[in-house]
């Protein structure tokens, strides 16, 4: 085990984790970021609602700039996946392939994983790159204004996404990937009121030159863009393994300063219940980093 104890280890190299690393490095704290390369931000072709980039910014480019900024101020970034986390007295031990590190505090910024529709991985990723498959109507609903849209999903989650997108387009279809929609009668009535078509599966999704083609039953349906509304999986396992409390949704429960119920353990970004936006994750990270700095100063005087 590396004998040097970190002030903080950050698990997650997305916008939240990297923002916190920049803050803490500039607070003269020793910080190591573990980044396994799976941040959802990396798959964003162009973000047009991130303030300060009027022409948009590619997600991978944004992360690259943030990594360079964190390193500039002394943060260490390791491109490794954390395998386990444990407690050793008042410290945390982070285990990974090839070793382990200890830290006074840990910030969990592991985010969530989108549940993808059933289709070949390469075709899915091509569709995302070309803007034919999108996951965040809050982020990019503006870009699909007046286009032919399909929401692929079931139940209330898919219903809410279809209703949200109705303010951007009149041409919306809610497609179930199976034979049922699992909608309440009031939801069915609301969809009818808004003119949102409802189709049952099973479905087959294909990426074509300028459109997404969904085969449902005997017919083909052409769309300019689809939004999978299949939910997501929260990556909170590490925090739960040391006793952190989760919400009913599986998100890590925190206080107003990003502290969990475990002393020395903090969380920020999409792993915490919230808006799932880059700007929101970065704001939480600034709060978390400042809280960690102040909490550490209570344990030892931070003088230079």
C-alpha atoms as a PDB file:
ATOM      1  CA  UNK A   1       0.000   0.000   0.000  1.00  0.00           C
ATOM      2  CA  UNK A   2       1.200   3.509  -0.821  1.00  0.00           C
ATOM      3  CA  UNK A   3       2.473   4.864   2.514  1.00  0.00           C
ATOM      4  CA  UNK A   4       1.391   8.435   1.722  1.00  0.00           C
ATOM      5  CA  UNK A   5      -2.062   9.152   3.061  1.00  0.00           C
ATOM      6  CA  UNK A   6      -4.274  11.368   0.865  1.00  0.00           C
ATOM      7  CA  UNK A   7      -6.428  14.123   2.254  1.00  0.00           C
ATOM      8  CA  UNK A   8      -9.138  12.942  -0.133  1.00  0.00           C
ATOM      9  CA  UNK A   9      -9.694  10.236  -2.692  1.00  0.00           C
ATOM     10  CA  UNK A  10     -12.325  10.971  -5.314  1.00  0.00           C
ATOM     11  CA  UNK A  11     -13.985   8.000  -6.980  1.00  0.00           C
ATOM     12  CA  UNK A  12     -15.307   9.103 -10.364  1.00  0.00           C
ATOM     13  CA  UNK A  13     -13.780  11.206 -13.126  1.00  0.00           C
ATOM     14  CA  UNK A  14     -16.854  12.968 -14.470  1.00  0.00           C
ATOM     15  CA  UNK A  15     -17.754  16.662 -14.098  1.00  0.00           C
ATOM     16  CA  UNK A  16     -18.450  16.320 -10.360  1.00  0.00           C
ATOM     17  CA  UNK A  17     -15.282  14.429  -9.494  1.00  0.00           C
ATOM     18  CA  UNK A  18     -13.012  16.635 -11.597  1.00  0.00           C
ATOM     19  CA  UNK A  19     -14.561  19.869 -10.324  1.00  0.00           C
ATOM     20  CA  UNK A  20     -13.989  18.710  -6.758  1.00  0.00           C
ATOM     21  CA  UNK A  21     -10.401  17.780  -7.624  1.00  0.00           C
ATOM     22  CA  UNK A  22      -9.734  21.270  -8.999  1.00  0.00           C
ATOM     23  CA  UNK A  23     -11.152  22.891  -5.885  1.00  0.00           C
ATOM     24  CA  UNK A  24      -9.293  20.644  -3.451  1.00  0.00           C
ATOM     25  CA  UNK A  25      -5.975  20.899  -5.254  1.00  0.00           C
ATOM     26  CA  UNK A  26      -6.301  24.678  -5.082  1.00  0.00           C
ATOM     27  CA  UNK A  27      -7.041  24.318  -1.362  1.00  0.00           C
ATOM     28  CA  UNK A  28      -3.567  22.696  -1.128  1.00  0.00           C
ATOM     29  CA  UNK A  29      -5.083  19.319  -0.249  1.00  0.00           C
ATOM     30  CA  UNK A  30      -3.556  16.086  -1.509  1.00  0.00           C
ATOM     31  CA  UNK A  31      -6.127  14.473  -3.773  1.00  0.00           C
ATOM     32  CA  UNK A  32      -6.240  11.423  -6.028  1.00  0.00           C
ATOM     33  CA  UNK A  33      -9.013  10.837  -8.571  1.00  0.00           C
ATOM     34  CA  UNK A  34      -9.889   7.336  -9.752  1.00  0.00           C
ATOM     35  CA  UNK A  35     -11.403   7.510 -13.228  1.00  0.00           C
ATOM     36  CA  UNK A  36     -12.508   4.287 -14.939  1.00  0.00           C
ATOM     37  CA  UNK A  37     -13.503   6.135 -18.110  1.00  0.00           C
ATOM     38  CA  UNK A  38     -17.247   5.524 -17.882  1.00  0.00           C
ATOM     39  CA  UNK A  39     -18.582   9.022 -17.212  1.00  0.00           C
ATOM     40  CA  UNK A  40     -21.818   9.622 -19.104  1.00  0.00           C
ATOM     41  CA  UNK A  41     -20.519  13.072 -20.022  1.00  0.00           C
ATOM     42  CA  UNK A  42     -17.906  11.467 -22.286  1.00  0.00           C
ATOM     43  CA  UNK A  43     -20.634  10.253 -24.667  1.00  0.00           C
ATOM     44  CA  UNK A  44     -22.182  13.705 -25.223  1.00  0.00           C
ATOM     45  CA  UNK A  45     -21.631  14.691 -28.897  1.00  0.00           C
ATOM     46  CA  UNK A  46     -22.227  18.401 -28.233  1.00  0.00           C
ATOM     47  CA  UNK A  47     -23.693  20.091 -25.163  1.00  0.00           C
ATOM     48  CA  UNK A  48     -25.393  23.380 -25.943  1.00  0.00           C
ATOM     49  CA  UNK A  49     -26.762  24.165 -22.484  1.00  0.00           C
ATOM     50  CA  UNK A  50     -23.481  24.232 -20.571  1.00  0.00           C
ATOM     51  CA  UNK A  51     -22.942  27.910 -19.770  1.00  0.00           C
ATOM     52  CA  UNK A  52     -19.913  29.580 -21.329  1.00  0.00           C
ATOM     53  CA  UNK A  53     -19.891  27.580 -24.574  1.00  0.00           C
ATOM     54  CA  UNK A  54     -22.315  29.340 -26.939  1.00  0.00           C
ATOM     55  CA  UNK A  55     -21.253  27.106 -29.852  1.00  0.00           C
ATOM     56  CA  UNK A  56     -21.472  23.964 -27.715  1.00  0.00           C
ATOM     57  CA  UNK A  57     -18.841  21.688 -26.207  1.00  0.00           C
ATOM     58  CA  UNK A  58     -18.124  18.010 -26.813  1.00  0.00           C
ATOM     59  CA  UNK A  59     -18.361  15.982 -23.614  1.00  0.00           C
ATOM     60  CA  UNK A  60     -15.014  14.222 -24.024  1.00  0.00           C
ATOM     61  CA  UNK A  61     -13.301  17.542 -24.773  1.00  0.00           C
ATOM     62  CA  UNK A  62     -14.839  19.112 -21.664  1.00  0.00           C
ATOM     63  CA  UNK A  63     -13.569  16.262 -19.490  1.00  0.00           C
ATOM     64  CA  UNK A  64     -10.115  16.480 -21.062  1.00  0.00           C
ATOM     65  CA  UNK A  65      -9.909  20.180 -20.233  1.00  0.00           C
ATOM     66  CA  UNK A  66     -11.050  19.550 -16.677  1.00  0.00           C
ATOM     67  CA  UNK A  67      -8.452  16.798 -16.199  1.00  0.00           C
ATOM     68  CA  UNK A  68      -5.709  19.120 -17.447  1.00  0.00           C
ATOM     69  CA  UNK A  69      -6.891  21.840 -15.077  1.00  0.00           C
ATOM     70  CA  UNK A  70      -6.950  19.484 -12.084  1.00  0.00           C
ATOM     71  CA  UNK A  71      -3.448  18.212 -12.873  1.00  0.00           C
ATOM     72  CA  UNK A  72      -2.160  21.761 -13.290  1.00  0.00           C
ATOM     73  CA  UNK A  73      -2.844  22.391  -9.602  1.00  0.00           C
ATOM     74  CA  UNK A  74      -1.412  19.094  -8.396  1.00  0.00           C
ATOM     75  CA  UNK A  75      -4.285  16.603  -8.399  1.00  0.00           C
ATOM     76  CA  UNK A  76      -3.345  13.027  -9.257  1.00  0.00           C
ATOM     77  CA  UNK A  77      -5.591  11.165 -11.694  1.00  0.00           C
ATOM     78  CA  UNK A  78      -5.403   7.401 -12.026  1.00  0.00           C
ATOM     79  CA  UNK A  79      -7.224   5.710 -14.895  1.00  0.00           C
ATOM     80  CA  UNK A  80      -8.317   2.752 -12.801  1.00  0.00           C
ATOM     81  CA  UNK A  81     -11.537   1.232 -11.508  1.00  0.00           C
ATOM     82  CA  UNK A  82     -11.927   1.044  -7.748  1.00  0.00           C
ATOM     83  CA  UNK A  83     -12.676  -2.544  -6.730  1.00  0.00           C
ATOM     84  CA  UNK A  84     -13.552  -2.007  -3.065  1.00  0.00           C
ATOM     85  CA  UNK A  85     -13.596   0.475  -0.214  1.00  0.00           C
ATOM     86  CA  UNK A  86     -13.229  -0.276   3.500  1.00  0.00           C
ATOM     87  CA  UNK A  87     -12.644   1.465   6.800  1.00  0.00           C
ATOM     88  CA  UNK A  88      -9.485   1.263   8.869  1.00  0.00           C
ATOM     89  CA  UNK A  89     -10.060   3.231  12.035  1.00  0.00           C
ATOM     90  CA  UNK A  90     -10.804   6.808  11.022  1.00  0.00           C
ATOM     91  CA  UNK A  91      -9.357   6.267   7.532  1.00  0.00           C
ATOM     92  CA  UNK A  92     -10.653   4.814   4.296  1.00  0.00           C
ATOM     93  CA  UNK A  93      -8.826   2.227   2.223  1.00  0.00           C
ATOM     94  CA  UNK A  94      -9.435   2.212  -1.519  1.00  0.00           C
ATOM     95  CA  UNK A  95      -8.494  -1.029  -3.276  1.00  0.00           C
ATOM     96  CA  UNK A  96      -7.830  -1.352  -6.999  1.00  0.00           C
ATOM     97  CA  UNK A  97      -6.088  -3.690  -9.382  1.00  0.00           C
ATOM     98  CA  UNK A  98      -2.454  -3.638  -8.290  1.00  0.00           C
ATOM     99  CA  UNK A  99      -2.728  -1.945  -4.931  1.00  0.00           C
ATOM    100  CA  UNK A 100      -4.528   0.187  -2.391  1.00  0.00           C
ATOM    101  CA  UNK A 101      -4.464   3.752  -1.075  1.00  0.00           C
ATOM    102  CA  UNK A 102      -5.627   5.275   2.188  1.00  0.00           C
ATOM    103  CA  UNK A 103      -7.294   8.629   2.706  1.00  0.00           C
ATOM    104  CA  UNK A 104      -8.734  10.794   5.451  1.00  0.00           C
ATOM    105  CA  UNK A 105     -11.853  11.437   3.359  1.00  0.00           C
ATOM    106  CA  UNK A 106     -13.531  10.039   0.257  1.00  0.00           C
ATOM    107  CA  UNK A 107     -15.832  11.728  -2.234  1.00  0.00           C
ATOM    108  CA  UNK A 108     -18.075   9.385  -4.222  1.00  0.00           C
ATOM    109  CA  UNK A 109     -18.850  10.823  -7.671  1.00  0.00           C
ATOM    110  CA  UNK A 110     -19.572   7.601  -9.545  1.00  0.00           C
ATOM    111  CA  UNK A 111     -22.794   8.715 -11.225  1.00  0.00           C
ATOM    112  CA  UNK A 112     -25.319   6.408 -12.842  1.00  0.00           C
ATOM    113  CA  UNK A 113     -25.491   4.117 -15.874  1.00  0.00           C
ATOM    114  CA  UNK A 114     -28.230   4.489 -18.485  1.00  0.00           C
ATOM    115  CA  UNK A 115     -30.223   1.377 -19.330  1.00  0.00           C
ATOM    116  CA  UNK A 116     -29.890   1.003 -23.078  1.00  0.00           C
ATOM    117  CA  UNK A 117     -32.476  -0.305 -25.536  1.00  0.00           C
ATOM    118  CA  UNK A 118     -31.969  -3.767 -26.965  1.00  0.00           C
ATOM    119  CA  UNK A 119     -29.798  -3.266 -30.048  1.00  0.00           C
ATOM    120  CA  UNK A 120     -26.182  -3.896 -31.092  1.00  0.00           C
ATOM    121  CA  UNK A 121     -23.705  -1.840 -29.065  1.00  0.00           C
ATOM    122  CA  UNK A 122     -21.957  -0.399 -32.113  1.00  0.00           C
ATOM    123  CA  UNK A 123     -25.260   0.704 -33.661  1.00  0.00           C
ATOM    124  CA  UNK A 124     -26.349   2.260 -30.374  1.00  0.00           C
ATOM    125  CA  UNK A 125     -23.115   4.225 -30.017  1.00  0.00           C
ATOM    126  CA  UNK A 126     -23.322   5.361 -33.642  1.00  0.00           C
ATOM    127  CA  UNK A 127     -26.853   6.615 -33.023  1.00  0.00           C
ATOM    128  CA  UNK A 128     -25.712   8.565 -29.962  1.00  0.00           C
ATOM    129  CA  UNK A 129     -22.803  10.155 -31.848  1.00  0.00           C
ATOM    130  CA  UNK A 130     -25.125  11.267 -34.632  1.00  0.00           C
ATOM    131  CA  UNK A 131     -27.799  12.632 -32.308  1.00  0.00           C
ATOM    132  CA  UNK A 132     -30.332   9.997 -33.377  1.00  0.00           C
ATOM    133  CA  UNK A 133     -30.418   8.524 -29.877  1.00  0.00           C
ATOM    134  CA  UNK A 134     -30.579  10.921 -26.937  1.00  0.00           C
ATOM    135  CA  UNK A 135     -30.974  10.389 -23.210  1.00  0.00           C
ATOM    136  CA  UNK A 136     -31.590  13.820 -21.690  1.00  0.00           C
ATOM    137  CA  UNK A 137     -34.485  15.992 -22.886  1.00  0.00           C
ATOM    138  CA  UNK A 138     -33.540  18.603 -20.277  1.00  0.00           C
ATOM    139  CA  UNK A 139     -30.121  18.875 -21.960  1.00  0.00           C
ATOM    140  CA  UNK A 140     -31.096  18.768 -25.598  1.00  0.00           C
ATOM    141  CA  UNK A 141     -34.842  19.034 -26.053  1.00  0.00           C
ATOM    142  CA  UNK A 142     -34.239  22.317 -27.876  1.00  0.00           C
ATOM    143  CA  UNK A 143     -32.222  20.483 -30.542  1.00  0.00           C
ATOM    144  CA  UNK A 144     -35.175  18.235 -31.448  1.00  0.00           C
ATOM    145  CA  UNK A 145     -37.728  21.009 -31.800  1.00  0.00           C
ATOM    146  CA  UNK A 146     -40.425  20.027 -34.335  1.00  0.00           C
ATOM    147  CA  UNK A 147     -38.765  16.696 -35.142  1.00  0.00           C
ATOM    148  CA  UNK A 148     -40.360  13.236 -35.220  1.00  0.00           C
ATOM    149  CA  UNK A 149     -39.653  11.768 -31.793  1.00  0.00           C
ATOM    150  CA  UNK A 150     -40.133   8.392 -30.137  1.00  0.00           C
ATOM    151  CA  UNK A 151     -39.867   7.622 -26.439  1.00  0.00           C
ATOM    152  CA  UNK A 152     -38.973   3.974 -25.816  1.00  0.00           C
ATOM    153  CA  UNK A 153     -40.084   2.795 -22.415  1.00  0.00           C
ATOM    154  CA  UNK A 154     -42.892   1.765 -20.106  1.00  0.00           C
ATOM    155  CA  UNK A 155     -44.794   3.112 -17.148  1.00  0.00           C
ATOM    156  CA  UNK A 156     -44.736   6.511 -15.480  1.00  0.00           C
ATOM    157  CA  UNK A 157     -41.119   7.283 -16.311  1.00  0.00           C
ATOM    158  CA  UNK A 158     -41.760   6.990 -20.056  1.00  0.00           C
ATOM    159  CA  UNK A 159     -45.051   8.859 -19.671  1.00  0.00           C
ATOM    160  CA  UNK A 160     -43.356  11.819 -17.977  1.00  0.00           C
ATOM    161  CA  UNK A 161     -40.654  11.977 -20.647  1.00  0.00           C
ATOM    162  CA  UNK A 162     -43.226  11.957 -23.441  1.00  0.00           C
ATOM    163  CA  UNK A 163     -45.198  14.758 -21.793  1.00  0.00           C
ATOM    164  CA  UNK A 164     -42.016  16.778 -21.201  1.00  0.00           C
ATOM    165  CA  UNK A 165     -41.002  16.519 -24.868  1.00  0.00           C
ATOM    166  CA  UNK A 166     -44.486  17.473 -26.078  1.00  0.00           C
ATOM    167  CA  UNK A 167     -43.555  21.139 -25.542  1.00  0.00           C
ATOM    168  CA  UNK A 168     -40.867  20.695 -28.220  1.00  0.00           C
ATOM    169  CA  UNK A 169     -42.713  18.710 -30.873  1.00  0.00           C
ATOM    170  CA  UNK A 170     -46.200  17.705 -31.943  1.00  0.00           C
ATOM    171  CA  UNK A 171     -44.950  14.449 -33.469  1.00  0.00           C
ATOM    172  CA  UNK A 172     -44.339  12.128 -30.530  1.00  0.00           C
ATOM    173  CA  UNK A 173     -44.867   8.378 -30.201  1.00  0.00           C
ATOM    174  CA  UNK A 174     -44.535   6.371 -27.007  1.00  0.00           C
ATOM    175  CA  UNK A 175     -43.263   2.889 -27.869  1.00  0.00           C
ATOM    176  CA  UNK A 176     -43.197   0.025 -25.424  1.00  0.00           C
ATOM    177  CA  UNK A 177     -40.282  -2.401 -25.895  1.00  0.00           C
ATOM    178  CA  UNK A 178     -42.662  -5.203 -24.873  1.00  0.00           C
ATOM    179  CA  UNK A 179     -46.348  -5.910 -25.311  1.00  0.00           C
ATOM    180  CA  UNK A 180     -47.591  -3.634 -22.529  1.00  0.00           C
ATOM    181  CA  UNK A 181     -47.218   0.001 -21.523  1.00  0.00           C
ATOM    182  CA  UNK A 182     -48.014  -0.237 -17.794  1.00  0.00           C
ATOM    183  CA  UNK A 183     -49.756   3.122 -17.874  1.00  0.00           C
ATOM    184  CA  UNK A 184     -52.416   4.271 -15.442  1.00  0.00           C
ATOM    185  CA  UNK A 185     -55.801   5.240 -16.961  1.00  0.00           C
ATOM    186  CA  UNK A 186     -55.155   8.922 -16.191  1.00  0.00           C
ATOM    187  CA  UNK A 187     -51.811   8.704 -18.000  1.00  0.00           C
ATOM    188  CA  UNK A 188     -53.448   7.168 -21.069  1.00  0.00           C
ATOM    189  CA  UNK A 189     -56.042   9.939 -21.041  1.00  0.00           C
ATOM    190  CA  UNK A 190     -53.357  12.617 -20.772  1.00  0.00           C
ATOM    191  CA  UNK A 191     -51.423  11.175 -23.708  1.00  0.00           C
ATOM    192  CA  UNK A 192     -54.574  11.160 -25.808  1.00  0.00           C
ATOM    193  CA  UNK A 193     -55.286  14.747 -24.799  1.00  0.00           C
ATOM    194  CA  UNK A 194     -51.796  15.805 -25.933  1.00  0.00           C
ATOM    195  CA  UNK A 195     -51.985  13.880 -29.199  1.00  0.00           C
ATOM    196  CA  UNK A 196     -49.148  11.513 -28.279  1.00  0.00           C
ATOM    197  CA  UNK A 197     -49.404   8.215 -30.153  1.00  0.00           C
ATOM    198  CA  UNK A 198     -48.977   4.940 -28.280  1.00  0.00           C
ATOM    199  CA  UNK A 199     -47.541   1.797 -29.879  1.00  0.00           C
ATOM    200  CA  UNK A 200     -46.873  -1.604 -28.351  1.00  0.00           C
ATOM    201  CA  UNK A 201     -43.856  -3.811 -29.002  1.00  0.00           C
ATOM    202  CA  UNK A 202     -41.932  -5.960 -29.218  1.00  0.00           C
ATOM    203  CA  UNK A 203     -39.758  -3.624 -31.233  1.00  0.00           C
ATOM    204  CA  UNK A 204     -36.596  -3.738 -33.308  1.00  0.00           C
ATOM    205  CA  UNK A 205     -34.438  -0.604 -33.557  1.00  0.00           C
ATOM    206  CA  UNK A 206     -32.281   0.147 -36.593  1.00  0.00           C
ATOM    207  CA  UNK A 207     -30.029   3.110 -37.344  1.00  0.00           C
ATOM    208  CA  UNK A 208     -30.297   4.333 -40.931  1.00  0.00           C
ATOM    209  CA  UNK A 209     -28.689   7.199 -42.799  1.00  0.00           C
ATOM    210  CA  UNK A 210     -30.818  10.048 -41.522  1.00  0.00           C
ATOM    211  CA  UNK A 211     -33.297   8.390 -39.207  1.00  0.00           C
ATOM    212  CA  UNK A 212     -34.052   5.768 -36.616  1.00  0.00           C
ATOM    213  CA  UNK A 213     -36.356   3.040 -37.876  1.00  0.00           C
ATOM    214  CA  UNK A 214     -38.347   1.086 -35.315  1.00  0.00           C
ATOM    215  CA  UNK A 215     -40.178  -2.029 -36.394  1.00  0.00           C
ATOM    216  CA  UNK A 216     -43.213  -2.656 -34.211  1.00  0.00           C
ATOM    217  CA  UNK A 217     -45.480  -5.477 -35.262  1.00  0.00           C
ATOM    218  CA  UNK A 218     -45.715  -5.579 -39.050  1.00  0.00           C
ATOM    219  CA  UNK A 219     -44.938  -1.892 -39.607  1.00  0.00           C
ATOM    220  CA  UNK A 220     -41.848   0.318 -39.742  1.00  0.00           C
ATOM    221  CA  UNK A 221     -41.866   3.699 -38.009  1.00  0.00           C
ATOM    222  CA  UNK A 222     -39.344   6.390 -38.979  1.00  0.00           C
ATOM    223  CA  UNK A 223     -38.130   8.926 -36.417  1.00  0.00           C
ATOM    224  CA  UNK A 224     -35.590  11.723 -36.387  1.00  0.00           C
ATOM    225  CA  UNK A 225     -34.618  10.844 -32.839  1.00  0.00           C
ATOM    226  CA  UNK A 226     -35.507   8.441 -30.039  1.00  0.00           C
ATOM    227  CA  UNK A 227     -35.254   8.880 -26.284  1.00  0.00           C
ATOM    228  CA  UNK A 228     -34.841   5.643 -24.326  1.00  0.00           C
ATOM    229  CA  UNK A 229     -36.752   6.074 -21.054  1.00  0.00           C
ATOM    230  CA  UNK A 230     -35.725   2.785 -19.489  1.00  0.00           C
ATOM    231  CA  UNK A 231     -34.314   4.155 -16.252  1.00  0.00           C
ATOM    232  CA  UNK A 232     -30.776   4.013 -14.914  1.00  0.00           C
ATOM    233  CA  UNK A 233     -28.698   2.158 -12.342  1.00  0.00           C
ATOM    234  CA  UNK A 234     -27.124   4.202  -9.551  1.00  0.00           C
ATOM    235  CA  UNK A 235     -23.504   3.339  -8.847  1.00  0.00           C
ATOM    236  CA  UNK A 236     -23.669   3.660  -5.071  1.00  0.00           C
ATOM    237  CA  UNK A 237     -22.250   0.240  -4.142  1.00  0.00           C
ATOM    238  CA  UNK A 238     -18.962   1.521  -2.729  1.00  0.00           C
ATOM    239  CA  UNK A 239     -20.679   3.959  -0.389  1.00  0.00           C
ATOM    240  CA  UNK A 240     -23.196   1.367   0.750  1.00  0.00           C
ATOM    241  CA  UNK A 241     -20.368  -1.079   1.498  1.00  0.00           C
ATOM    242  CA  UNK A 242     -19.120   1.155   4.328  1.00  0.00           C
ATOM    243  CA  UNK A 243     -22.550   1.901   5.765  1.00  0.00           C
ATOM    244  CA  UNK A 244     -23.860   4.879   3.780  1.00  0.00           C
ATOM    245  CA  UNK A 245     -27.650   5.193   3.605  1.00  0.00           C
ATOM    246  CA  UNK A 246     -29.422   5.272   0.250  1.00  0.00           C
ATOM    247  CA  UNK A 247     -32.736   6.765  -0.844  1.00  0.00           C
ATOM    248  CA  UNK A 248     -35.564   4.624  -2.185  1.00  0.00           C
ATOM    249  CA  UNK A 249     -34.181   5.311  -5.673  1.00  0.00           C
ATOM    250  CA  UNK A 250     -30.772   3.934  -4.673  1.00  0.00           C
ATOM    251  CA  UNK A 251     -29.060   7.331  -4.586  1.00  0.00           C
ATOM    252  CA  UNK A 252     -26.688   8.175  -1.737  1.00  0.00           C
ATOM    253  CA  UNK A 253     -28.433  10.194   0.957  1.00  0.00           C
ATOM    254  CA  UNK A 254     -26.597  13.397   1.894  1.00  0.00           C
ATOM    255  CA  UNK A 255     -27.064  16.556   3.948  1.00  0.00           C
ATOM    256  CA  UNK A 256     -26.992  20.103   2.577  1.00  0.00           C
ATOM    257  CA  UNK A 257     -23.166  20.046   2.561  1.00  0.00           C
ATOM    258  CA  UNK A 258     -22.823  16.740   0.623  1.00  0.00           C
ATOM    259  CA  UNK A 259     -21.957  14.722   3.751  1.00  0.00           C
ATOM    260  CA  UNK A 260     -23.247  11.154   4.022  1.00  0.00           C
ATOM    261  CA  UNK A 261     -24.130   9.561   7.349  1.00  0.00           C
ATOM    262  CA  UNK A 262     -20.600   8.067   7.448  1.00  0.00           C
ATOM    263  CA  UNK A 263     -18.046  10.477   8.883  1.00  0.00           C
ATOM    264  CA  UNK A 264     -15.487  11.435   6.264  1.00  0.00           C
ATOM    265  CA  UNK A 265     -17.571  10.162   3.332  1.00  0.00           C
ATOM    266  CA  UNK A 266     -19.151  12.609   0.890  1.00  0.00           C
ATOM    267  CA  UNK A 267     -21.047  12.321  -2.396  1.00  0.00           C
ATOM    268  CA  UNK A 268     -21.785  14.591  -5.359  1.00  0.00           C
ATOM    269  CA  UNK A 269     -23.166  14.421  -8.874  1.00  0.00           C
ATOM    270  CA  UNK A 270     -25.702  12.027 -10.349  1.00  0.00           C
ATOM    271  CA  UNK A 271     -25.065   9.393  -7.647  1.00  0.00           C
ATOM    272  CA  UNK A 272     -26.989  11.839  -5.435  1.00  0.00           C
ATOM    273  CA  UNK A 273     -30.638  12.454  -6.221  1.00  0.00           C
ATOM    274  CA  UNK A 274     -30.984  15.604  -8.314  1.00  0.00           C
ATOM    275  CA  UNK A 275     -31.350  17.057 -11.796  1.00  0.00           C
ATOM    276  CA  UNK A 276     -28.660  14.920 -13.509  1.00  0.00           C
ATOM    277  CA  UNK A 277     -27.101  17.961 -15.144  1.00  0.00           C
ATOM    278  CA  UNK A 278     -23.422  18.852 -15.557  1.00  0.00           C
ATOM    279  CA  UNK A 279     -23.952  22.284 -14.009  1.00  0.00           C
ATOM    280  CA  UNK A 280     -25.746  20.800 -11.018  1.00  0.00           C
ATOM    281  CA  UNK A 281     -23.049  18.155 -10.505  1.00  0.00           C
ATOM    282  CA  UNK A 282     -20.331  20.810 -10.633  1.00  0.00           C
ATOM    283  CA  UNK A 283     -22.169  22.949  -8.097  1.00  0.00           C
ATOM    284  CA  UNK A 284     -22.503  20.013  -5.720  1.00  0.00           C
ATOM    285  CA  UNK A 285     -18.805  19.266  -6.194  1.00  0.00           C
ATOM    286  CA  UNK A 286     -17.836  22.796  -5.197  1.00  0.00           C
ATOM    287  CA  UNK A 287     -19.905  22.458  -2.036  1.00  0.00           C
ATOM    288  CA  UNK A 288     -18.435  19.022  -1.277  1.00  0.00           C
ATOM    289  CA  UNK A 289     -14.833  20.127  -1.816  1.00  0.00           C
ATOM    290  CA  UNK A 290     -15.249  23.163   0.414  1.00  0.00           C
ATOM    291  CA  UNK A 291     -16.967  21.092   3.095  1.00  0.00           C
ATOM    292  CA  UNK A 292     -14.139  18.532   3.005  1.00  0.00           C
ATOM    293  CA  UNK A 293     -11.548  21.292   3.335  1.00  0.00           C
ATOM    294  CA  UNK A 294     -13.372  22.824   6.296  1.00  0.00           C
ATOM    295  CA  UNK A 295     -14.017  19.475   7.984  1.00  0.00           C
ATOM    296  CA  UNK A 296     -10.336  18.551   7.656  1.00  0.00           C
ATOM    297  CA  UNK A 297      -9.341  21.896   9.151  1.00  0.00           C
ATOM    298  CA  UNK A 298     -11.294  20.936  12.268  1.00  0.00           C
ATOM    299  CA  UNK A 299      -9.021  17.884  12.617  1.00  0.00           C
ATOM    300  CA  UNK A 300      -5.741  19.672  11.927  1.00  0.00           C
ATOM    301  CA  UNK A 301      -4.657  23.250  11.324  1.00  0.00           C
ATOM    302  CA  UNK A 302      -4.164  23.795   7.591  1.00  0.00           C
ATOM    303  CA  UNK A 303      -1.285  26.272   7.515  1.00  0.00           C
ATOM    304  CA  UNK A 304       1.518  26.823   5.032  1.00  0.00           C
END
